[in-house]
Every structure is written in C-alpha cells, then in structure tokens.
Amino acid sequence: MNTDPLFYRIFQERPATAFELAGLPVPEEGTYRLHAEEVKQTAFRLDGILLPTEEQSDLPLLFTEAQFYTDDTFYSRWLASIFLYLYRHQVNRPWTAVVVFPDRATDSGAIAPFEGLLRAGILHRVYLEDLLLLDPQQCADLSLGVRLARLVVLNQEDASDEARTLVEITQEQNPPRHYDILDLIETILVYKLPKLSREEIQKMLHLPTTDLKSTRFYQDVFSEGRQEGRQEGRQEGRTEGELNVILRLIRRRLGTPTGEQEARIRMLSSEALGDLGDALLDFHSPADLNIWLRGNGGFLKQ
C-alpha cells in the first residue's frame, strides 16, 4: 500500500495532526496550510511543508514526511532537502521536522550525525506502532487526526470497525468541511481493502456519495494549476498548467506515476487531460490509470 498520498491528504485536511503526533503545541484551526516543494536543480522533493499564514510570522515552519520503507540514506537526503530549502528561500524563522514511521524497524537511516537535532527538539520521530497498543479508552481520547493516522496502519478487520466509528464521530461533531474528512476515511479504506470497490466501501460505511471536486484537496490542486496557467499567459502555458495539475492529482491520489505513465500523459491533448482529470476521481489504484491510458490511445504494456 502506497501511504504517501494518504498522509499527504491527512496533513492537508488536518495540519494539526503533524503537531499532535509529535507532541508539539497544536496551532489554531486555519493557521497552517500544507505545500509540496520541488527543490530546483536537484533530485530533492519535499512532499510536506506546513506553512503558517503571513500574519503568524513568529510561528515555525514544519517539515513533514511519511517514511514507510527502509532507506539507509533517508535522514541525510531529507535533511539535506530541508537545509537547501532554508537556503534557497532565505527562511528567517524557526523550523521543526516530523517524520512518521509505521514502526521502529523501518527507521533504518543513519541518525548519528543528526542526534543534535533530536536533542534540541528540532527533529521528531513518530512510530505509529505505538498507537496500536492503546486500549479503547485511550483511543477515544485521541484527536480525529491522530486516529486517521492510526487507521492507516490498522489491520483490515480492525480498520473497518474503526472507520465506521470515525464516520460516526465526524457526522456527530460536524467539523468544518466534514465531507473532506469523510472522503479521506473512504480513501484510506480504498487503499486498505483493494478487493472492494469505492461504491462497496461507501455502502459499508453508510457514506453519501462525495463529489471530490467539492473537497479542499481537489480545489487546492486545481487552484495551483490555474495560477500557473495565468502566469504563463499563453495557450501552451495553460496546457502546461493543466498537465501539472493532473500529475499532482495522480501523485497525491495514487502515488508517483512510472516514467512510462508520465511520458504517455505528457502526450495527451488538453481535451484528453480534462477527461483524465475527471476519470481519475474514480481510480482506486495505479492499475486503473494503466487501463485508462490503454483505452485512450495509449500504448502501455499489459
């Protein structure tokens, strides 16, 4: 299961979750928004940067990462990306970094050179396996965001029960933009229960059909694409903006596309890109993207 887009969604919908998982002071609603940043002229990408609003100039930047596979170079790569970002953007405010691991076994990176960051409280490591040890009462005391993170690592049977509970909590509390949370719960189960269709999961959770186009996730991504098109001010610029939007949606919903998939997507016309944008809202896995590309003039291998 590719967890990167799931945690991107969790941190996007509830930025406070990153603070809660790390045991940091939780900011007020609306204080932070999640951004992704390509560090230009390098192979580095920062998938999660929580930026405070301009009015909150005294609050720190928060860099987030979900690391669900072993990588001996993880800390050096990620922290190099962070320091390069701080240099390129001439950041003049405090910062902190939070990495989420499924368990301690996955935390295989060389940490010795960066232990000073741990001792200083700048680098925080979160192990979701600790959340699996909590009893029902302790779980009930967790925030909604932390319970969503816990849902990602629960086994399939427990995840179904927990998802129903979270749906009930969300509907009872009716938080702002509650349909974003319901869509996120549904999406997590789509990843965890790949043999069930999205419609079957909606019925299982007694969920209404959610139009993803009305969620903040969709609106934020398409807003970025429209801005890129306006900056270019040319038809080819608008097409490039549309292409970037589609690739962002794919990365955040399905994970990073293969080189062959991206090459085929870049060959699509503006009209075909629009069709793909509508179609991918119903995609459950990268295999659905392959099927669509093969059925729309593609030449991907079976």
C-alpha atoms as a PDB file:
ATOM      1  CA  MET A   1       0.000   0.000   0.000  1.00  0.00           C
ATOM      2  CA  ASN A   2       1.465   3.370  -1.038  1.00  0.00           C
ATOM      3  CA  THR A   3       0.955   5.538   2.047  1.00  0.00           C
ATOM      4  CA  ASP A   4       2.480   8.804   0.771  1.00  0.00           C
ATOM      5  CA  PRO A   5      -0.733  10.187  -0.767  1.00  0.00           C
ATOM      6  CA  LEU A   6      -2.712   9.110   2.311  1.00  0.00           C
ATOM      7  CA  PHE A   7      -0.514  11.047   4.704  1.00  0.00           C
ATOM      8  CA  TYR A   8      -0.367  13.984   2.311  1.00  0.00           C
ATOM      9  CA  ARG A   9      -4.164  14.066   2.481  1.00  0.00           C
ATOM     10  CA  ILE A  10      -4.216  13.707   6.281  1.00  0.00           C
ATOM     11  CA  PHE A  11      -1.781  16.580   6.767  1.00  0.00           C
ATOM     12  CA  GLN A  12      -3.594  18.636   4.134  1.00  0.00           C
ATOM     13  CA  GLU A  13      -7.035  18.219   5.669  1.00  0.00           C
ATOM     14  CA  ARG A  14      -5.833  18.442   9.292  1.00  0.00           C
ATOM     15  CA  PRO A  15      -2.420  20.164   9.547  1.00  0.00           C
ATOM     16  CA  ALA A  16      -2.691  19.959  13.339  1.00  0.00           C
ATOM     17  CA  THR A  17      -2.210  16.170  13.063  1.00  0.00           C
ATOM     18  CA  ALA A  18       1.541  16.558  12.483  1.00  0.00           C
ATOM     19  CA  PHE A  19       1.835  18.607  15.683  1.00  0.00           C
ATOM     20  CA  GLU A  20      -0.344  16.157  17.634  1.00  0.00           C
ATOM     21  CA  LEU A  21       1.649  13.108  16.548  1.00  0.00           C
ATOM     22  CA  ALA A  22       4.916  14.781  17.565  1.00  0.00           C
ATOM     23  CA  GLY A  23       3.565  16.046  20.895  1.00  0.00           C
ATOM     24  CA  LEU A  24       4.046  19.689  19.870  1.00  0.00           C
ATOM     25  CA  PRO A  25       1.738  22.609  20.798  1.00  0.00           C
ATOM     26  CA  VAL A  26      -1.269  22.403  18.490  1.00  0.00           C
ATOM     27  CA  PRO A  27      -1.982  25.544  16.432  1.00  0.00           C
ATOM     28  CA  GLU A  28      -5.429  27.036  15.966  1.00  0.00           C
ATOM     29  CA  GLU A  29      -7.559  25.934  13.023  1.00  0.00           C
ATOM     30  CA  GLY A  30      -6.536  27.683   9.796  1.00  0.00           C
ATOM     31  CA  THR A  31      -3.049  28.652  10.996  1.00  0.00           C
ATOM     32  CA  TYR A  32      -1.125  26.270   8.699  1.00  0.00           C
ATOM     33  CA  ARG A  33      -1.553  25.032   5.125  1.00  0.00           C
ATOM     34  CA  LEU A  34       0.337  22.162   3.506  1.00  0.00           C
ATOM     35  CA  HIS A  35       2.575  22.720   0.476  1.00  0.00           C
ATOM     36  CA  ALA A  36       4.802  20.497  -1.649  1.00  0.00           C
ATOM     37  CA  GLU A  37       8.075  21.917  -2.875  1.00  0.00           C
ATOM     38  CA  GLU A  38      10.409  20.821  -5.650  1.00  0.00           C
ATOM     39  CA  VAL A  39      13.941  21.928  -4.760  1.00  0.00           C
ATOM     40  CA  LYS A  40      15.026  23.050  -8.212  1.00  0.00           C
ATOM     41  CA  GLN A  41      18.229  21.855  -9.900  1.00  0.00           C
ATOM     42  CA  THR A  42      18.390  18.857  -7.552  1.00  0.00           C
ATOM     43  CA  ALA A  43      16.696  15.476  -7.275  1.00  0.00           C
ATOM     44  CA  PHE A  44      15.121  16.558  -3.970  1.00  0.00           C
ATOM     45  CA  ARG A  45      11.431  16.959  -3.296  1.00  0.00           C
ATOM     46  CA  LEU A  46       9.809  17.994  -0.027  1.00  0.00           C
ATOM     47  CA  ASP A  47       6.344  16.466  -0.004  1.00  0.00           C
ATOM     48  CA  GLY A  48       5.133  18.183   3.139  1.00  0.00           C
ATOM     49  CA  ILE A  49       5.822  21.722   4.320  1.00  0.00           C
ATOM     50  CA  LEU A  50       3.319  23.229   6.732  1.00  0.00           C
ATOM     51  CA  LEU A  51       3.494  26.980   6.262  1.00  0.00           C
ATOM     52  CA  PRO A  52       1.855  29.351   8.740  1.00  0.00           C
ATOM     53  CA  THR A  53      -0.194  32.236   7.416  1.00  0.00           C
ATOM     54  CA  GLU A  54       1.622  35.505   6.733  1.00  0.00           C
ATOM     55  CA  GLU A  55       0.036  37.016   9.837  1.00  0.00           C
ATOM     56  CA  GLN A  56       1.751  34.371  12.004  1.00  0.00           C
ATOM     57  CA  SER A  57       5.351  35.394  11.348  1.00  0.00           C
ATOM     58  CA  ASP A  58       6.544  34.123  14.736  1.00  0.00           C
ATOM     59  CA  LEU A  59       5.408  30.511  14.206  1.00  0.00           C
ATOM     60  CA  PRO A  60       7.826  27.858  12.887  1.00  0.00           C
ATOM     61  CA  LEU A  61       7.815  26.041   9.577  1.00  0.00           C
ATOM     62  CA  LEU A  62       7.004  22.375   9.987  1.00  0.00           C
ATOM     63  CA  PHE A  63       8.518  19.859   7.556  1.00  0.00           C
ATOM     64  CA  THR A  64       6.661  16.530   7.483  1.00  0.00           C
ATOM     65  CA  GLU A  65       7.492  13.177   5.911  1.00  0.00           C
ATOM     66  CA  ALA A  66       5.843   9.745   5.977  1.00  0.00           C
ATOM     67  CA  GLN A  67       8.580   7.107   5.585  1.00  0.00           C
ATOM     68  CA  PHE A  68       7.115   3.620   5.140  1.00  0.00           C
ATOM     69  CA  TYR A  69      10.081   1.770   3.654  1.00  0.00           C
ATOM     70  CA  THR A  70      13.631   1.245   4.890  1.00  0.00           C
ATOM     71  CA  ASP A  71      16.207   3.643   3.464  1.00  0.00           C
ATOM     72  CA  ASP A  72      19.693   3.912   4.946  1.00  0.00           C
ATOM     73  CA  THR A  73      20.119   7.352   3.364  1.00  0.00           C
ATOM     74  CA  PHE A  74      16.759   8.759   4.495  1.00  0.00           C
ATOM     75  CA  TYR A  75      17.947  11.244   7.115  1.00  0.00           C
ATOM     76  CA  SER A  76      20.817  12.648   5.059  1.00  0.00           C
ATOM     77  CA  ARG A  77      18.595  13.025   1.976  1.00  0.00           C
ATOM     78  CA  TRP A  78      15.586  14.520   3.771  1.00  0.00           C
ATOM     79  CA  LEU A  79      17.542  16.900   6.000  1.00  0.00           C
ATOM     80  CA  ALA A  80      19.711  17.983   3.050  1.00  0.00           C
ATOM     81  CA  SER A  81      16.474  18.864   1.234  1.00  0.00           C
ATOM     82  CA  ILE A  82      15.295  20.865   4.233  1.00  0.00           C
ATOM     83  CA  PHE A  83      18.540  22.830   4.609  1.00  0.00           C
ATOM     84  CA  LEU A  84      18.641  23.509   0.878  1.00  0.00           C
ATOM     85  CA  TYR A  85      15.064  24.805   1.084  1.00  0.00           C
ATOM     86  CA  LEU A  86      16.013  27.072   4.010  1.00  0.00           C
ATOM     87  CA  TYR A  87      18.944  28.425   1.976  1.00  0.00           C
ATOM     88  CA  ARG A  88      17.067  28.884  -1.300  1.00  0.00           C
ATOM     89  CA  HIS A  89      14.130  30.655   0.360  1.00  0.00           C
ATOM     90  CA  GLN A  90      16.242  32.579   2.857  1.00  0.00           C
ATOM     91  CA  VAL A  91      13.929  31.485   5.671  1.00  0.00           C
ATOM     92  CA  ASN A  92      14.167  33.704   8.739  1.00  0.00           C
ATOM     93  CA  ARG A  93      12.033  31.889  11.272  1.00  0.00           C
ATOM     94  CA  PRO A  94      12.272  28.760  13.468  1.00  0.00           C
ATOM     95  CA  TRP A  95      11.591  25.355  11.949  1.00  0.00           C
ATOM     96  CA  THR A  96      10.994  21.811  13.077  1.00  0.00           C
ATOM     97  CA  ALA A  97      10.742  18.458  11.302  1.00  0.00           C
ATOM     98  CA  VAL A  98       8.434  15.487  11.943  1.00  0.00           C
ATOM     99  CA  VAL A  99       8.919  12.083  10.314  1.00  0.00           C
ATOM    100  CA  VAL A 100       6.260   9.364  10.659  1.00  0.00           C
ATOM    101  CA  PHE A 101       7.343   5.711  10.538  1.00  0.00           C
ATOM    102  CA  PRO A 102       4.982   2.719  10.699  1.00  0.00           C
ATOM    103  CA  ASP A 103       7.350   1.058  13.212  1.00  0.00           C
ATOM    104  CA  ARG A 104      10.877   1.262  14.597  1.00  0.00           C
ATOM    105  CA  ALA A 105      12.135  -1.440  12.239  1.00  0.00           C
ATOM    106  CA  THR A 106      11.540   0.881   9.288  1.00  0.00           C
ATOM    107  CA  ASP A 107      13.683   3.589  10.894  1.00  0.00           C
ATOM    108  CA  SER A 108      16.930   2.281   9.400  1.00  0.00           C
ATOM    109  CA  GLY A 109      18.604   5.540   8.439  1.00  0.00           C
ATOM    110  CA  ALA A 110      21.932   6.653   9.888  1.00  0.00           C
ATOM    111  CA  ILE A 111      20.893   9.039  12.674  1.00  0.00           C
ATOM    112  CA  ALA A 112      24.236   9.582  14.469  1.00  0.00           C
ATOM    113  CA  PRO A 113      25.185  12.773  12.553  1.00  0.00           C
ATOM    114  CA  PHE A 114      21.815  14.337  13.401  1.00  0.00           C
ATOM    115  CA  GLU A 115      21.368  13.395  17.054  1.00  0.00           C
ATOM    116  CA  GLY A 116      21.914  17.038  17.967  1.00  0.00           C
ATOM    117  CA  LEU A 117      18.682  17.900  16.150  1.00  0.00           C
ATOM    118  CA  LEU A 118      16.880  15.250  18.207  1.00  0.00           C
ATOM    119  CA  ARG A 119      18.274  16.563  21.485  1.00  0.00           C
ATOM    120  CA  ALA A 120      17.388  20.143  20.515  1.00  0.00           C
ATOM    121  CA  GLY A 121      13.762  19.180  19.853  1.00  0.00           C
ATOM    122  CA  ILE A 122      14.021  20.168  16.174  1.00  0.00           C
ATOM    123  CA  LEU A 123      13.716  16.642  14.747  1.00  0.00           C
ATOM    124  CA  HIS A 124      10.816  14.468  15.936  1.00  0.00           C
ATOM    125  CA  ARG A 125      10.259  10.794  15.129  1.00  0.00           C
ATOM    126  CA  VAL A 126       6.784   9.238  15.343  1.00  0.00           C
ATOM    127  CA  TYR A 127       6.171   5.460  15.349  1.00  0.00           C
ATOM    128  CA  LEU A 128       2.576   4.555  14.521  1.00  0.00           C
ATOM    129  CA  GLU A 129       3.019   1.066  16.009  1.00  0.00           C
ATOM    130  CA  ASP A 130       2.723   2.744  19.435  1.00  0.00           C
ATOM    131  CA  LEU A 131      -0.844   3.778  18.579  1.00  0.00           C
ATOM    132  CA  LEU A 132      -1.779   0.123  18.031  1.00  0.00           C
ATOM    133  CA  LEU A 133      -1.043  -0.636  21.699  1.00  0.00           C
ATOM    134  CA  LEU A 134      -3.680   1.757  23.060  1.00  0.00           C
ATOM    135  CA  ASP A 135      -6.829   0.454  24.721  1.00  0.00           C
ATOM    136  CA  PRO A 136     -10.309   1.644  23.599  1.00  0.00           C
ATOM    137  CA  GLN A 137     -10.480   4.416  26.215  1.00  0.00           C
ATOM    138  CA  GLN A 138      -7.071   5.752  25.226  1.00  0.00           C
ATOM    139  CA  CYS A 139      -8.123   5.698  21.571  1.00  0.00           C
ATOM    140  CA  ALA A 140     -11.258   7.652  22.413  1.00  0.00           C
ATOM    141  CA  ASP A 141      -9.060  10.384  23.885  1.00  0.00           C
ATOM    142  CA  LEU A 142      -7.048  10.791  20.665  1.00  0.00           C
ATOM    143  CA  SER A 143      -7.743  13.635  18.254  1.00  0.00           C
ATOM    144  CA  LEU A 144      -9.525  12.856  14.994  1.00  0.00           C
ATOM    145  CA  GLY A 145      -6.323  13.496  13.021  1.00  0.00           C
ATOM    146  CA  VAL A 146      -4.263  11.036  15.073  1.00  0.00           C
ATOM    147  CA  ARG A 147      -6.993   8.428  14.744  1.00  0.00           C
ATOM    148  CA  LEU A 148      -6.902   8.877  10.970  1.00  0.00           C
ATOM    149  CA  ALA A 149      -3.146   8.258  11.039  1.00  0.00           C
ATOM    150  CA  ARG A 150      -3.747   5.166  13.195  1.00  0.00           C
ATOM    151  CA  LEU A 151      -6.356   3.936  10.711  1.00  0.00           C
ATOM    152  CA  VAL A 152      -3.638   3.686   8.038  1.00  0.00           C
ATOM    153  CA  VAL A 153      -1.712   1.012   9.986  1.00  0.00           C
ATOM    154  CA  LEU A 154      -4.597  -0.989  11.476  1.00  0.00           C
ATOM    155  CA  ASN A 155      -5.228  -4.486  10.128  1.00  0.00           C
ATOM    156  CA  GLN A 156      -8.104  -4.820   7.682  1.00  0.00           C
ATOM    157  CA  GLU A 157     -10.693  -6.149  10.135  1.00  0.00           C
ATOM    158  CA  ASP A 158      -9.989  -3.542  12.815  1.00  0.00           C
ATOM    159  CA  ALA A 159      -9.719  -0.806  10.193  1.00  0.00           C
ATOM    160  CA  SER A 160     -13.294  -1.415   9.019  1.00  0.00           C
ATOM    161  CA  ASP A 161     -14.656  -1.085  12.563  1.00  0.00           C
ATOM    162  CA  GLU A 162     -12.532   1.971  13.311  1.00  0.00           C
ATOM    163  CA  ALA A 163     -13.580   3.623  10.042  1.00  0.00           C
ATOM    164  CA  ARG A 164     -17.267   3.247  10.980  1.00  0.00           C
ATOM    165  CA  THR A 165     -16.529   4.808  14.370  1.00  0.00           C
ATOM    166  CA  LEU A 166     -14.682   7.731  12.764  1.00  0.00           C
ATOM    167  CA  VAL A 167     -17.542   8.295  10.329  1.00  0.00           C
ATOM    168  CA  GLU A 168     -19.981   8.469  13.262  1.00  0.00           C
ATOM    169  CA  ILE A 169     -17.718  10.883  15.147  1.00  0.00           C
ATOM    170  CA  THR A 170     -17.312  13.089  12.082  1.00  0.00           C
ATOM    171  CA  GLN A 171     -21.051  13.185  11.416  1.00  0.00           C
ATOM    172  CA  GLU A 172     -21.845  13.915  15.067  1.00  0.00           C
ATOM    173  CA  GLN A 173     -19.241  16.632  15.520  1.00  0.00           C
ATOM    174  CA  ASN A 174     -19.845  18.052  12.025  1.00  0.00           C
ATOM    175  CA  PRO A 175     -16.444  19.810  11.849  1.00  0.00           C
ATOM    176  CA  PRO A 176     -15.781  22.449   9.183  1.00  0.00           C
ATOM    177  CA  ARG A 177     -15.719  20.833   5.724  1.00  0.00           C
ATOM    178  CA  HIS A 178     -16.663  17.489   7.270  1.00  0.00           C
ATOM    179  CA  TYR A 179     -17.123  15.956   3.813  1.00  0.00           C
ATOM    180  CA  ASP A 180     -13.336  16.286   3.317  1.00  0.00           C
ATOM    181  CA  ILE A 181     -12.825  14.031   6.358  1.00  0.00           C
ATOM    182  CA  LEU A 182     -15.446  11.540   5.150  1.00  0.00           C
ATOM    183  CA  ASP A 183     -13.785  11.396   1.729  1.00  0.00           C
ATOM    184  CA  LEU A 184     -10.414  10.834   3.415  1.00  0.00           C
ATOM    185  CA  ILE A 185     -11.751   7.963   5.555  1.00  0.00           C
ATOM    186  CA  GLU A 186     -13.231   6.408   2.432  1.00  0.00           C
ATOM    187  CA  THR A 187      -9.947   6.829   0.525  1.00  0.00           C
ATOM    188  CA  ILE A 188      -7.919   5.162   3.299  1.00  0.00           C
ATOM    189  CA  LEU A 189     -10.217   2.118   3.175  1.00  0.00           C
ATOM    190  CA  VAL A 190      -9.962   2.006  -0.625  1.00  0.00           C
ATOM    191  CA  TYR A 191      -6.201   1.589  -0.164  1.00  0.00           C
ATOM    192  CA  LYS A 192      -6.542  -0.945   2.659  1.00  0.00           C
ATOM    193  CA  LEU A 193      -9.302  -3.030   1.062  1.00  0.00           C
ATOM    194  CA  PRO A 194      -8.294  -3.187  -2.617  1.00  0.00           C
ATOM    195  CA  LYS A 195     -10.739  -6.020  -3.384  1.00  0.00           C
ATOM    196  CA  LEU A 196     -13.708  -3.747  -2.604  1.00  0.00           C
ATOM    197  CA  SER A 197     -14.895  -1.029  -4.944  1.00  0.00           C
ATOM    198  CA  ARG A 198     -15.348   2.532  -3.739  1.00  0.00           C
ATOM    199  CA  GLU A 199     -19.114   2.051  -4.005  1.00  0.00           C
ATOM    200  CA  GLU A 200     -18.979  -1.077  -1.788  1.00  0.00           C
ATOM    201  CA  ILE A 201     -16.956   0.824   0.814  1.00  0.00           C
ATOM    202  CA  GLN A 202     -19.426   3.720   0.732  1.00  0.00           C
ATOM    203  CA  LYS A 203     -22.248   1.270   1.459  1.00  0.00           C
ATOM    204  CA  MET A 204     -20.257  -0.451   4.198  1.00  0.00           C
ATOM    205  CA  LEU A 205     -19.644   2.881   5.946  1.00  0.00           C
ATOM    206  CA  HIS A 206     -23.116   4.249   5.142  1.00  0.00           C
ATOM    207  CA  LEU A 207     -21.487   7.171   3.389  1.00  0.00           C
ATOM    208  CA  PRO A 208     -23.163   9.528   0.963  1.00  0.00           C
ATOM    209  CA  THR A 209     -21.556   9.773  -2.466  1.00  0.00           C
ATOM    210  CA  THR A 210     -18.965  12.543  -2.178  1.00  0.00           C
ATOM    211  CA  ASP A 211     -18.081  14.704  -5.157  1.00  0.00           C
ATOM    212  CA  LEU A 212     -14.300  15.033  -4.874  1.00  0.00           C
ATOM    213  CA  LYS A 213     -14.488  18.267  -6.878  1.00  0.00           C
ATOM    214  CA  SER A 214     -16.108  19.917  -3.852  1.00  0.00           C
ATOM    215  CA  THR A 215     -13.304  18.946  -1.463  1.00  0.00           C
ATOM    216  CA  ARG A 216     -10.460  21.248  -0.477  1.00  0.00           C
ATOM    217  CA  PHE A 217      -7.954  18.660  -1.744  1.00  0.00           C
ATOM    218  CA  TYR A 218      -9.270  18.942  -5.308  1.00  0.00           C
ATOM    219  CA  GLN A 219      -9.828  22.709  -5.172  1.00  0.00           C
ATOM    220  CA  ASP A 220      -6.331  23.430  -3.840  1.00  0.00           C
ATOM    221  CA  VAL A 221      -4.620  21.384  -6.536  1.00  0.00           C
ATOM    222  CA  PHE A 222      -6.641  22.903  -9.367  1.00  0.00           C
ATOM    223  CA  SER A 223      -6.133  26.393  -7.959  1.00  0.00           C
ATOM    224  CA  GLU A 224      -2.378  25.845  -8.258  1.00  0.00           C
ATOM    225  CA  GLY A 225      -2.783  24.770 -11.889  1.00  0.00           C
ATOM    226  CA  ARG A 226      -4.928  27.772 -12.792  1.00  0.00           C
ATOM    227  CA  GLN A 227      -2.353  30.089 -11.253  1.00  0.00           C
ATOM    228  CA  GLU A 228       0.419  28.515 -13.317  1.00  0.00           C
ATOM    229  CA  GLY A 229      -1.635  28.991 -16.462  1.00  0.00           C
ATOM    230  CA  ARG A 230      -2.275  32.656 -15.667  1.00  0.00           C
ATOM    231  CA  GLN A 231       1.411  33.251 -15.014  1.00  0.00           C
ATOM    232  CA  GLU A 232       2.320  31.860 -18.427  1.00  0.00           C
ATOM    233  CA  GLY A 233      -0.455  33.826 -20.141  1.00  0.00           C
ATOM    234  CA  ARG A 234      -0.235  31.670 -23.287  1.00  0.00           C
ATOM    235  CA  GLN A 235      -2.223  28.697 -24.559  1.00  0.00           C
ATOM    236  CA  GLU A 236       0.771  26.424 -24.193  1.00  0.00           C
ATOM    237  CA  GLY A 237       1.183  27.759 -20.670  1.00  0.00           C
ATOM    238  CA  ARG A 238      -2.388  26.852 -19.845  1.00  0.00           C
ATOM    239  CA  THR A 239      -1.842  23.354 -21.232  1.00  0.00           C
ATOM    240  CA  GLU A 240       1.302  23.003 -19.139  1.00  0.00           C
ATOM    241  CA  GLY A 241      -0.660  24.151 -16.094  1.00  0.00           C
ATOM    242  CA  GLU A 242      -3.324  21.528 -16.779  1.00  0.00           C
ATOM    243  CA  LEU A 243      -0.643  18.863 -17.169  1.00  0.00           C
ATOM    244  CA  ASN A 244       0.946  19.804 -13.845  1.00  0.00           C
ATOM    245  CA  VAL A 245      -2.455  19.665 -12.135  1.00  0.00           C
ATOM    246  CA  ILE A 246      -3.137  16.155 -13.446  1.00  0.00           C
ATOM    247  CA  LEU A 247       0.304  14.910 -12.397  1.00  0.00           C
ATOM    248  CA  ARG A 248      -0.170  16.398  -8.926  1.00  0.00           C
ATOM    249  CA  LEU A 249      -3.573  14.760  -8.551  1.00  0.00           C
ATOM    250  CA  ILE A 250      -2.141  11.411  -9.626  1.00  0.00           C
ATOM    251  CA  ARG A 251       0.799  11.690  -7.214  1.00  0.00           C
ATOM    252  CA  ARG A 252      -1.412  12.650  -4.297  1.00  0.00           C
ATOM    253  CA  ARG A 253      -4.175  10.144  -5.024  1.00  0.00           C
ATOM    254  CA  LEU A 254      -2.263   7.159  -6.459  1.00  0.00           C
ATOM    255  CA  GLY A 255       1.406   7.795  -5.760  1.00  0.00           C
ATOM    256  CA  THR A 256       4.215   8.728  -8.166  1.00  0.00           C
ATOM    257  CA  PRO A 257       3.473   7.598 -11.749  1.00  0.00           C
ATOM    258  CA  THR A 258       6.026   5.478 -13.584  1.00  0.00           C
ATOM    259  CA  GLY A 259       8.225   7.070 -16.229  1.00  0.00           C
ATOM    260  CA  GLU A 260       6.207   5.341 -18.941  1.00  0.00           C
ATOM    261  CA  GLN A 261       2.903   6.560 -17.497  1.00  0.00           C
ATOM    262  CA  GLU A 262       4.130  10.145 -17.202  1.00  0.00           C
ATOM    263  CA  ALA A 263       5.526  10.101 -20.748  1.00  0.00           C
ATOM    264  CA  ARG A 264       2.145   8.962 -22.090  1.00  0.00           C
ATOM    265  CA  ILE A 265       0.274  11.583 -20.032  1.00  0.00           C
ATOM    266  CA  ARG A 266       2.526  14.330 -21.394  1.00  0.00           C
ATOM    267  CA  MET A 267       1.474  13.355 -24.926  1.00  0.00           C
ATOM    268  CA  LEU A 268      -2.246  13.901 -24.205  1.00  0.00           C
ATOM    269  CA  SER A 269      -4.112  16.841 -25.671  1.00  0.00           C
ATOM    270  CA  SER A 270      -5.716  19.499 -23.488  1.00  0.00           C
ATOM    271  CA  GLU A 271      -9.116  17.852 -24.009  1.00  0.00           C
ATOM    272  CA  ALA A 272      -7.766  14.407 -23.103  1.00  0.00           C
ATOM    273  CA  LEU A 273      -6.120  15.832 -19.978  1.00  0.00           C
ATOM    274  CA  GLY A 274      -9.530  17.135 -18.910  1.00  0.00           C
ATOM    275  CA  ASP A 275     -11.053  13.711 -19.486  1.00  0.00           C
ATOM    276  CA  LEU A 276      -8.284  12.088 -17.440  1.00  0.00           C
ATOM    277  CA  GLY A 277      -8.830  14.613 -14.647  1.00  0.00           C
ATOM    278  CA  ASP A 278     -12.479  13.610 -14.413  1.00  0.00           C
ATOM    279  CA  ALA A 279     -11.731   9.877 -14.713  1.00  0.00           C
ATOM    280  CA  LEU A 280      -9.040   9.693 -12.049  1.00  0.00           C
ATOM    281  CA  LEU A 281     -11.514  10.800  -9.385  1.00  0.00           C
ATOM    282  CA  ASP A 282     -12.846   7.241  -9.574  1.00  0.00           C
ATOM    283  CA  PHE A 283      -9.460   5.484  -9.769  1.00  0.00           C
ATOM    284  CA  HIS A 284      -8.700   3.129  -6.887  1.00  0.00           C
ATOM    285  CA  SER A 285      -5.129   2.100  -7.772  1.00  0.00           C
ATOM    286  CA  PRO A 286      -2.323   2.737 -10.303  1.00  0.00           C
ATOM    287  CA  ALA A 287      -3.732  -0.175 -12.326  1.00  0.00           C
ATOM    288  CA  ASP A 288      -6.817   1.944 -13.094  1.00  0.00           C
ATOM    289  CA  LEU A 289      -4.549   4.604 -14.596  1.00  0.00           C
ATOM    290  CA  ASN A 290      -2.929   1.987 -16.861  1.00  0.00           C
ATOM    291  CA  ILE A 291      -6.332   0.750 -18.012  1.00  0.00           C
ATOM    292  CA  TRP A 292      -7.454   4.288 -18.848  1.00  0.00           C
ATOM    293  CA  LEU A 293      -4.271   5.094 -20.762  1.00  0.00           C
ATOM    294  CA  ARG A 294      -4.504   1.869 -22.781  1.00  0.00           C
ATOM    295  CA  GLY A 295      -8.131   2.628 -23.601  1.00  0.00           C
ATOM    296  CA  ASN A 296      -7.488   6.194 -24.670  1.00  0.00           C
ATOM    297  CA  GLY A 297      -4.879   5.871 -27.365  1.00  0.00           C
ATOM    298  CA  GLY A 298      -2.159   4.682 -25.009  1.00  0.00           C
ATOM    299  CA  PHE A 299       0.415   2.047 -25.646  1.00  0.00           C
ATOM    300  CA  LEU A 300       1.331   0.899 -22.153  1.00  0.00           C
ATOM    301  CA  LYS A 301       2.270  -2.758 -21.805  1.00  0.00           C
ATOM    302  CA  GLN A 302      -0.293  -5.142 -20.374  1.00  0.00           C
END
